[in-house]
Protein backbone atom coordinates (compact mmCIF):
# COMPACT_ATOMS: atom_id res chain seq x y z
CA UNK A 1 -10.32 -35.33 -5.07
CA UNK A 2 -12.23 -32.92 -7.12
CA UNK A 3 -11.02 -31.10 -9.83
CA UNK A 4 -12.19 -27.92 -7.94
CA UNK A 5 -10.68 -28.70 -5.02
CA UNK A 6 -7.21 -29.63 -7.25
CA UNK A 7 -7.41 -26.08 -8.78
CA UNK A 8 -8.23 -24.60 -5.55
CA UNK A 9 -4.98 -25.77 -3.77
CA UNK A 10 -2.70 -25.45 -7.35
CA UNK A 11 -3.81 -21.61 -7.30
CA UNK A 12 -2.97 -21.39 -3.20
CA UNK A 13 0.05 -23.03 -3.74
CA UNK A 14 1.30 -20.69 -6.72
CA UNK A 15 0.13 -17.71 -4.80
CA UNK A 16 1.81 -18.53 -1.14
CA UNK A 17 5.11 -19.63 -3.38
CA UNK A 18 4.97 -16.10 -5.17
CA UNK A 19 4.01 -14.27 -2.18
CA UNK A 20 7.21 -16.00 -0.15
CA UNK A 21 9.41 -14.72 -2.95
CA UNK A 22 8.11 -11.37 -3.25
CA UNK A 23 8.45 -11.02 1.12
CA UNK A 24 12.45 -12.30 0.84
CA UNK A 25 12.73 -9.47 -2.18
CA UNK A 26 11.48 -6.83 -0.01
CA UNK A 27 12.78 -7.72 3.01
CA UNK A 28 16.33 -8.11 1.89
CA UNK A 29 16.02 -4.77 -0.10
CA UNK A 30 14.87 -2.77 3.26
CA UNK A 31 17.60 -4.29 5.48
CA UNK A 32 19.87 -3.46 3.12
CA UNK A 33 18.70 0.19 2.31
CA UNK A 34 18.52 0.58 5.96
CA UNK A 35 21.55 -0.65 7.00
CA UNK A 36 19.77 -2.76 9.87
CA UNK A 37 21.45 -5.26 11.85
CA UNK A 38 18.73 -8.05 11.30
CA UNK A 39 18.39 -11.28 9.53
CA UNK A 40 17.75 -10.91 5.74
CA UNK A 41 15.31 -13.87 5.98
CA UNK A 42 13.76 -13.67 9.49
CA UNK A 43 10.56 -12.08 7.77
CA UNK A 44 10.52 -15.01 5.48
CA UNK A 45 11.20 -17.80 7.93
CA UNK A 46 8.45 -15.99 9.92
CA UNK A 47 5.92 -16.02 6.80
CA UNK A 48 6.94 -19.76 6.49
CA UNK A 49 6.39 -20.39 10.26
CA UNK A 50 2.59 -18.82 10.06
CA UNK A 51 2.06 -20.86 7.13
CA UNK A 52 3.04 -24.01 8.91
CA UNK A 53 0.83 -22.96 11.91
CA UNK A 54 -1.67 -22.42 9.94
CA UNK A 55 -1.17 -25.81 8.00
CA UNK A 56 -1.26 -27.81 11.44
CA UNK A 57 -4.77 -25.93 12.08
CA UNK A 58 -5.94 -26.45 8.40
CA UNK A 59 -5.59 -30.11 8.84
CA UNK A 60 -7.12 -29.82 12.31
CA UNK A 61 -10.28 -28.57 10.97
CA UNK A 62 -9.96 -30.94 8.02
CA UNK A 63 -10.45 -33.74 10.34
CA UNK A 64 -12.99 -32.53 12.69
CA UNK A 65 -15.27 -31.46 9.90
CA UNK A 66 -17.02 -28.34 8.64
CA UNK A 67 -20.13 -29.74 10.54
CA UNK A 68 -18.17 -29.82 14.07
CA UNK A 69 -17.28 -25.86 12.97
CA UNK A 70 -20.86 -24.95 12.96
CA UNK A 71 -21.98 -26.75 16.19
CA UNK A 72 -19.35 -25.58 18.11
CA UNK A 73 -19.51 -21.70 16.25
CA UNK A 74 -21.18 -20.56 19.41
CA UNK A 75 -18.62 -21.40 22.03
CA UNK A 76 -15.33 -20.71 19.83
CA UNK A 77 -17.07 -17.36 19.16
CA UNK A 78 -17.70 -16.57 22.42
CA UNK A 79 -13.68 -17.72 23.34
CA UNK A 80 -12.70 -15.06 20.88
CA UNK A 81 -14.37 -12.13 22.01
CA UNK A 82 -12.57 -12.96 25.34
CA UNK A 83 -9.33 -12.43 23.48
CA UNK A 84 -10.61 -9.63 21.55
CA UNK A 85 -10.94 -8.22 25.23
CA UNK A 86 -7.58 -8.88 26.00
CA UNK A 87 -6.18 -7.19 23.45
CA UNK A 88 -7.14 -3.79 25.44
CA UNK A 89 -5.48 -4.97 28.60
CA UNK A 90 -2.09 -3.63 29.03
CA UNK A 91 1.02 -6.00 29.06
CA UNK A 92 -1.23 -8.31 27.14
CA UNK A 93 -2.45 -6.19 23.99
CA UNK A 94 -0.23 -4.63 21.68
CA UNK A 95 -0.39 -1.21 20.73
CA UNK A 96 0.93 -0.22 17.04
CA UNK A 97 0.12 2.85 15.23
CA UNK A 98 -2.51 4.09 18.06
CA UNK A 99 -4.40 0.66 17.53
CA UNK A 100 -5.06 -2.59 20.12
CA UNK A 101 -5.35 -5.25 17.59
CA UNK A 102 -2.83 -8.02 18.91
CA UNK A 103 -1.86 -10.33 21.60
CA UNK A 104 1.84 -11.27 22.13
CA UNK A 105 1.89 -15.27 22.17
CA UNK A 106 5.93 -15.88 22.99
CA UNK A 107 7.53 -13.17 21.01
CA UNK A 108 4.49 -13.64 17.91
CA UNK A 109 1.64 -11.37 17.77
CA UNK A 110 -1.85 -12.66 16.93
CA UNK A 111 -4.57 -10.86 15.74
CA UNK A 112 -7.94 -12.30 17.12
CA UNK A 113 -10.18 -10.47 14.82
CA UNK A 114 -9.16 -12.66 11.86
CA UNK A 115 -10.70 -15.88 13.86
CA UNK A 116 -14.21 -14.19 14.17
CA UNK A 117 -14.16 -13.37 10.21
CA UNK A 118 -14.94 -17.32 10.18
CA UNK A 119 -16.73 -17.90 13.59
CA UNK A 120 -19.32 -14.91 12.34
CA UNK A 121 -20.65 -16.53 9.84
CA UNK A 122 -20.63 -20.11 11.57
CA UNK A 123 -22.83 -18.73 14.08
CA UNK A 124 -24.94 -16.89 11.76
CA UNK A 125 -25.59 -19.97 9.62
CA UNK A 126 -25.91 -22.28 13.09
CA UNK A 127 -28.40 -19.96 13.99
CA UNK A 128 -30.31 -19.84 10.61
CA UNK A 129 -30.39 -23.94 10.14
CA UNK A 130 -31.76 -24.02 13.84
CA UNK A 131 -35.07 -21.57 12.74
CA UNK A 132 -37.86 -24.23 11.66
CA UNK A 133 -40.16 -21.34 10.77
CA UNK A 134 -39.85 -18.52 8.63
CA UNK A 135 -37.40 -16.62 10.25
CA UNK A 136 -39.10 -13.63 12.43
CA UNK A 137 -37.67 -10.16 13.33
CA UNK A 138 -37.55 -10.67 17.06
CA UNK A 139 -35.67 -14.03 16.47
CA UNK A 140 -33.20 -12.00 14.22
CA UNK A 141 -32.47 -8.69 15.99
CA UNK A 142 -31.50 -11.40 18.66
CA UNK A 143 -28.95 -13.13 16.88
CA UNK A 144 -27.69 -9.63 15.28
CA UNK A 145 -27.43 -8.20 18.91
CA UNK A 146 -25.21 -11.20 19.72
CA UNK A 147 -22.82 -10.80 16.82
CA UNK A 148 -22.55 -7.09 16.97
CA UNK A 149 -20.35 -7.72 20.34
CA UNK A 150 -17.20 -8.98 19.02
CA UNK A 151 -17.79 -6.54 16.05
CA UNK A 152 -18.65 -3.49 18.29
CA UNK A 153 -15.03 -4.78 19.95
CA UNK A 154 -13.05 -4.82 16.82
CA UNK A 155 -14.35 -1.24 15.70
CA UNK A 156 -13.31 -0.05 19.15
CA UNK A 157 -9.39 -1.30 18.76
CA UNK A 158 -10.02 0.75 15.87
CA UNK A 159 -10.04 -1.89 13.01
CA UNK A 160 -12.88 -0.49 10.45
CA UNK A 161 -11.40 -2.69 7.44
CA UNK A 162 -12.36 -5.70 9.76
CA UNK A 163 -15.06 -4.61 10.70
CA UNK A 164 -16.27 -3.76 7.22
CA UNK A 165 -15.37 -7.18 5.79
CA UNK A 166 -17.60 -8.66 8.66
CA UNK A 167 -20.82 -6.91 7.75
CA UNK A 168 -20.24 -7.38 4.49
CA UNK A 169 -20.01 -10.68 4.87
CA UNK A 170 -23.17 -10.89 6.87
CA UNK A 171 -25.51 -8.76 4.57
CA UNK A 172 -24.05 -11.65 2.01
CA UNK A 173 -25.44 -14.50 4.46
CA UNK A 174 -28.66 -12.17 4.72
CA UNK A 175 -29.28 -12.39 0.87
CA UNK A 176 -28.11 -15.95 0.62
CA UNK A 177 -30.32 -16.99 3.71
CA UNK A 178 -33.78 -14.66 2.17
CA UNK A 179 -33.95 -12.42 5.05
CA UNK A 180 -36.36 -10.18 4.70
CA UNK A 181 -35.19 -6.46 2.73
CA UNK A 182 -37.38 -4.64 5.76
CA UNK A 183 -35.14 -6.62 8.30
CA UNK A 184 -31.76 -5.10 7.50
CA UNK A 185 -31.75 -3.66 4.23
CA UNK A 186 -34.20 -0.61 4.67
CA UNK A 187 -32.59 0.61 8.01
CA UNK A 188 -29.17 -0.05 6.79
CA UNK A 189 -29.58 2.20 3.99
CA UNK A 190 -31.40 5.06 6.11
CA UNK A 191 -28.02 4.35 8.53
CA UNK A 192 -25.87 5.39 5.61
CA UNK A 193 -27.79 8.17 4.26
CA UNK A 194 -27.84 9.79 7.91
CA UNK A 195 -24.28 8.81 8.76
CA UNK A 196 -22.89 10.41 5.24
CA UNK A 197 -24.42 13.43 5.42
CA UNK A 198 -23.31 13.87 9.07
CA UNK A 199 -19.84 12.66 7.85
CA UNK A 200 -19.31 15.27 5.50
CA UNK A 201 -20.12 18.17 7.73
CA UNK A 202 -17.23 16.79 9.76
CA UNK A 203 -14.66 19.04 8.70
CA UNK A 204 -11.59 16.79 8.40
CA UNK A 205 -13.94 14.12 6.38
CA UNK A 206 -13.99 16.42 2.90
CA UNK A 207 -10.38 16.77 3.47
CA UNK A 208 -9.80 12.81 3.33
CA UNK A 209 -11.92 12.39 0.23
CA UNK A 210 -9.73 15.16 -1.20
CA UNK A 211 -6.76 13.42 -0.61
CA UNK A 212 -7.97 9.80 -1.59
CA UNK A 213 -8.72 11.33 -4.83
CA UNK A 214 -5.80 13.54 -5.50
CA UNK A 215 -3.05 11.92 -2.65
CA UNK A 216 -0.37 14.28 -4.25
CA UNK A 217 -1.52 17.11 -1.97
CA UNK A 218 -0.63 15.18 1.12
CA UNK A 219 3.09 13.63 0.14
CA UNK A 220 4.30 13.74 3.78
CA UNK A 221 0.97 12.49 5.45
CA UNK A 222 -1.78 10.21 4.45
CA UNK A 223 -1.32 10.74 -0.04
CA UNK A 224 2.47 9.26 0.84
CA UNK A 225 1.64 5.93 0.45
CA UNK A 226 -1.23 6.13 -2.49
CA UNK A 227 1.23 8.17 -4.37
CA UNK A 228 4.27 5.89 -4.07
CA UNK A 229 2.01 2.75 -5.18
CA UNK A 230 0.81 4.53 -8.11
CA UNK A 231 4.90 5.31 -8.99
CA UNK A 232 5.90 1.73 -8.20
CA UNK A 233 2.67 0.30 -10.16
CA UNK A 234 3.09 2.65 -13.11
CA UNK A 235 6.72 2.40 -13.45
CA UNK A 236 6.47 -1.42 -14.12
CA UNK A 237 5.03 -0.85 -17.79
CA UNK A 238 3.70 -4.22 -19.84
CA UNK A 239 6.82 -6.28 -18.90
CA UNK A 240 8.29 -4.68 -15.28
CA UNK A 241 11.65 -3.76 -14.53
CA UNK A 242 12.82 -7.24 -13.79
CA UNK A 243 12.24 -9.64 -10.54
CA UNK A 244 14.72 -7.72 -8.00
CA UNK A 245 14.94 -4.47 -9.50
CA UNK A 246 12.53 -2.65 -7.92
CA UNK A 247 13.48 1.37 -6.97
CA UNK A 248 9.93 1.83 -4.37
CA UNK A 249 10.74 -1.29 -2.23
CA UNK A 250 14.14 0.63 -1.08
CA UNK A 251 12.07 2.52 1.88
CA UNK A 252 10.20 5.12 -0.57
CA UNK A 253 7.00 2.81 -0.33
CA UNK A 254 6.31 1.82 3.78
CA UNK A 255 4.40 -1.56 4.43
CA UNK A 256 6.04 -2.45 1.14
CA UNK A 257 5.95 -6.45 2.08
CA UNK A 258 2.55 -6.43 3.63
CA UNK A 259 -0.71 -4.00 2.92
CA UNK A 260 1.11 -2.53 -0.26
CA UNK A 261 3.47 -5.56 -1.88
CA UNK A 262 1.44 -5.82 -4.80
CA UNK A 263 2.59 -2.51 -5.95
CA UNK A 264 6.33 -3.81 -5.52
CA UNK A 265 5.15 -6.70 -7.54
CA UNK A 266 3.64 -4.74 -10.39
CA UNK A 267 6.47 -2.73 -10.52
CA UNK A 268 8.96 -5.40 -10.78
CA UNK A 269 6.32 -7.59 -13.31
CA UNK A 270 4.51 -5.29 -14.84
CA UNK A 271 1.05 -5.55 -16.11
CA UNK A 272 1.04 -9.35 -17.28
CA UNK A 273 2.22 -9.98 -13.90
CA UNK A 274 -0.60 -8.60 -12.26
CA UNK A 275 -2.83 -10.20 -14.89
CA UNK A 276 -1.30 -13.41 -13.60
CA UNK A 277 -1.87 -12.60 -9.96
CA UNK A 278 -5.64 -11.55 -10.67
CA UNK A 279 -5.97 -14.59 -12.79
CA UNK A 280 -4.99 -16.73 -9.62
CA UNK A 281 -7.53 -14.96 -7.68
CA UNK A 282 -10.05 -15.41 -10.25
CA UNK A 283 -9.08 -18.98 -10.40
CA UNK A 284 -9.47 -19.07 -6.64
CA UNK A 285 -12.87 -17.56 -6.59
CA UNK A 286 -14.25 -20.16 -9.26
CA UNK A 287 -12.89 -23.17 -7.65
CA UNK A 288 -14.26 -21.90 -4.32
CA UNK A 289 -18.24 -20.97 -5.39
CA UNK A 290 -18.01 -24.80 -7.72
CA UNK A 291 -17.16 -26.57 -4.26
CA UNK A 292 -20.47 -24.40 -2.56
CA UNK A 293 -22.86 -24.88 -5.60
CA UNK A 294 -21.89 -28.53 -5.73
CA UNK A 295 -22.31 -28.93 -2.13
CA UNK A 296 -25.15 -31.35 -0.68
CA UNK A 297 -26.56 -29.43 1.66
CA UNK A 298 -27.29 -26.02 3.30
CA UNK A 299 -24.81 -25.51 5.81
CA UNK A 300 -21.77 -26.89 3.59
CA UNK A 301 -23.18 -24.35 0.68
CA UNK A 302 -23.71 -21.34 2.54
CA UNK A 303 -20.40 -21.75 4.70
CA UNK A 304 -18.34 -22.57 1.20
CA UNK A 305 -20.10 -19.74 -0.23
CA UNK A 306 -19.02 -17.17 2.09
CA UNK A 307 -15.47 -18.32 2.83
CA UNK A 308 -14.82 -17.89 -0.73
CA UNK A 309 -16.40 -14.37 -0.50
CA UNK A 310 -14.29 -13.71 2.13
CA UNK A 311 -11.08 -14.38 0.46
CA UNK A 312 -12.21 -12.89 -2.93
CA UNK A 313 -13.42 -9.58 -1.23
CA UNK A 314 -9.89 -9.01 0.42
CA UNK A 315 -7.81 -9.60 -2.59
CA UNK A 316 -10.57 -7.29 -4.27
CA UNK A 317 -10.16 -4.51 -1.64
CA UNK A 318 -6.15 -5.07 -1.04
CA UNK A 319 -5.44 -4.60 -5.07
CA UNK A 320 -8.31 -1.59 -5.21
CA UNK A 321 -6.34 0.32 -2.67
CA UNK A 322 -2.97 -0.62 -4.27
CA UNK A 323 -4.04 0.83 -7.26
CA UNK A 324 -6.00 3.62 -6.20
CA UNK A 325 -9.25 2.81 -6.29
CA UNK A 326 -10.33 2.80 -3.34
CA UNK A 327 -8.91 4.70 -0.28
CA UNK A 328 -5.83 3.61 1.47
CA UNK A 329 -6.59 1.11 4.42
CA UNK A 330 -4.98 -1.21 6.15
CA UNK A 331 -5.59 -5.03 4.00
CA UNK A 332 -3.64 -7.77 3.56
CA UNK A 333 -3.48 -9.76 0.07
CA UNK A 334 -4.37 -13.70 1.24
CA UNK A 335 -1.87 -15.85 0.85
CA UNK A 336 0.69 -13.51 -0.93
CA UNK A 337 1.56 -10.74 1.83
CA UNK A 338 3.28 -11.02 4.96
CA UNK A 339 0.48 -11.17 7.87
CA UNK A 340 0.76 -14.20 10.20
CA UNK A 341 -3.08 -14.26 11.53
CA UNK A 342 -4.67 -13.31 8.13
CA UNK A 343 -2.85 -16.16 6.55
CA UNK A 344 -3.54 -18.62 9.04
CA UNK A 345 -7.32 -17.82 9.08
CA UNK A 346 -7.06 -18.10 5.24
CA UNK A 347 -5.02 -21.40 5.57
CA UNK A 348 -7.93 -22.80 7.86
CA UNK A 349 -10.77 -21.12 5.60
CA UNK A 350 -9.21 -23.32 2.41
CA UNK A 351 -8.84 -26.88 4.82
CA UNK A 352 -12.71 -25.90 5.37
CA UNK A 353 -13.87 -25.65 1.88
CA UNK A 354 -11.75 -28.91 1.13
CA UNK A 355 -13.52 -30.82 3.25
CA UNK A 356 -16.62 -29.51 2.08
CA UNK A 357 -15.87 -30.49 -1.34
CA UNK A 358 -14.30 -34.54 -0.37
CA UNK A 359 -17.79 -34.53 1.49
CA UNK A 360 -19.88 -33.46 -1.03
CA UNK A 361 -18.37 -35.36 -3.39
CA UNK A 362 -18.38 -38.87 -1.28
CA UNK A 363 -22.15 -37.83 -1.00
CA UNK A 364 -22.47 -37.74 -4.90
CA UNK A 365 -20.85 -41.22 -5.41
CA UNK A 366 -23.43 -42.30 -2.43
């Protein structure tokens, strides 16, 4: 095993262990505060179960190989697209807070869009490698049209956060694969400019911008979570209140064990605790990109780079939202916060990286 793969495993193991502790810690407080007749270990056991499923899937992908994933990415994305359609069918798909993003499988929810985060880049990489000549606009538009089908379904759910992440993955791949800027960058800038003007003229957009900048203006609405998150993080100080001593988790901060778990962690562990958490994500990103750089073929380089970027951008967005630097949007913290589908997808991405590292080392020795 290479040193970069070892550091990758260590960083993920520490993040997951710390996350389990915080999930149990936060859930227990919520149950006690609300006097709910629910097992205090329910959320913890559920997270462990999802982790076990992720490990099983990860080992299968590790044995199968990243080459096979790329080779079969088109039918796999087709199957994932079918699942995205099923979420809109009553009785099969689950609706929560006005969004239809989940499938109910034997009492456990599953979010198909998490698979799409990995499969869309894999399909694009397969297409790039199949191009024998310089990529022309017609061919580029064809693959883009195919990829926009699952992305469009995710947008309709609606899940703007996942849509933005997948589009950012594609733009990163456009840069890595040296697609002409005239094919995508200039049209994208024009769309952003026109869309920005149109959005600003909508009556609710200026209000949302104002609430993002000053969440205290709408404490009973969209400003509640960001405001409470700031209180939690700020009250932690340098050393924190101490493990288990958070006050905000007592039903003050909604989604405390999922999207905003980092705020509770900051309150209990303080600035130095958050610094350690960020350091683990930096170590993870460094290890992943090192695996990509040392890979022996283009497909491995592209896939390792984009999977590392996927995990890193999700961590950056979640911590940015919790700290108030970014607008509030549902986004799990990889390997740390509660979220079964995202945990399974991230563990799968981890094992693909380990497979790339293993084969790169074997090829370097040979």
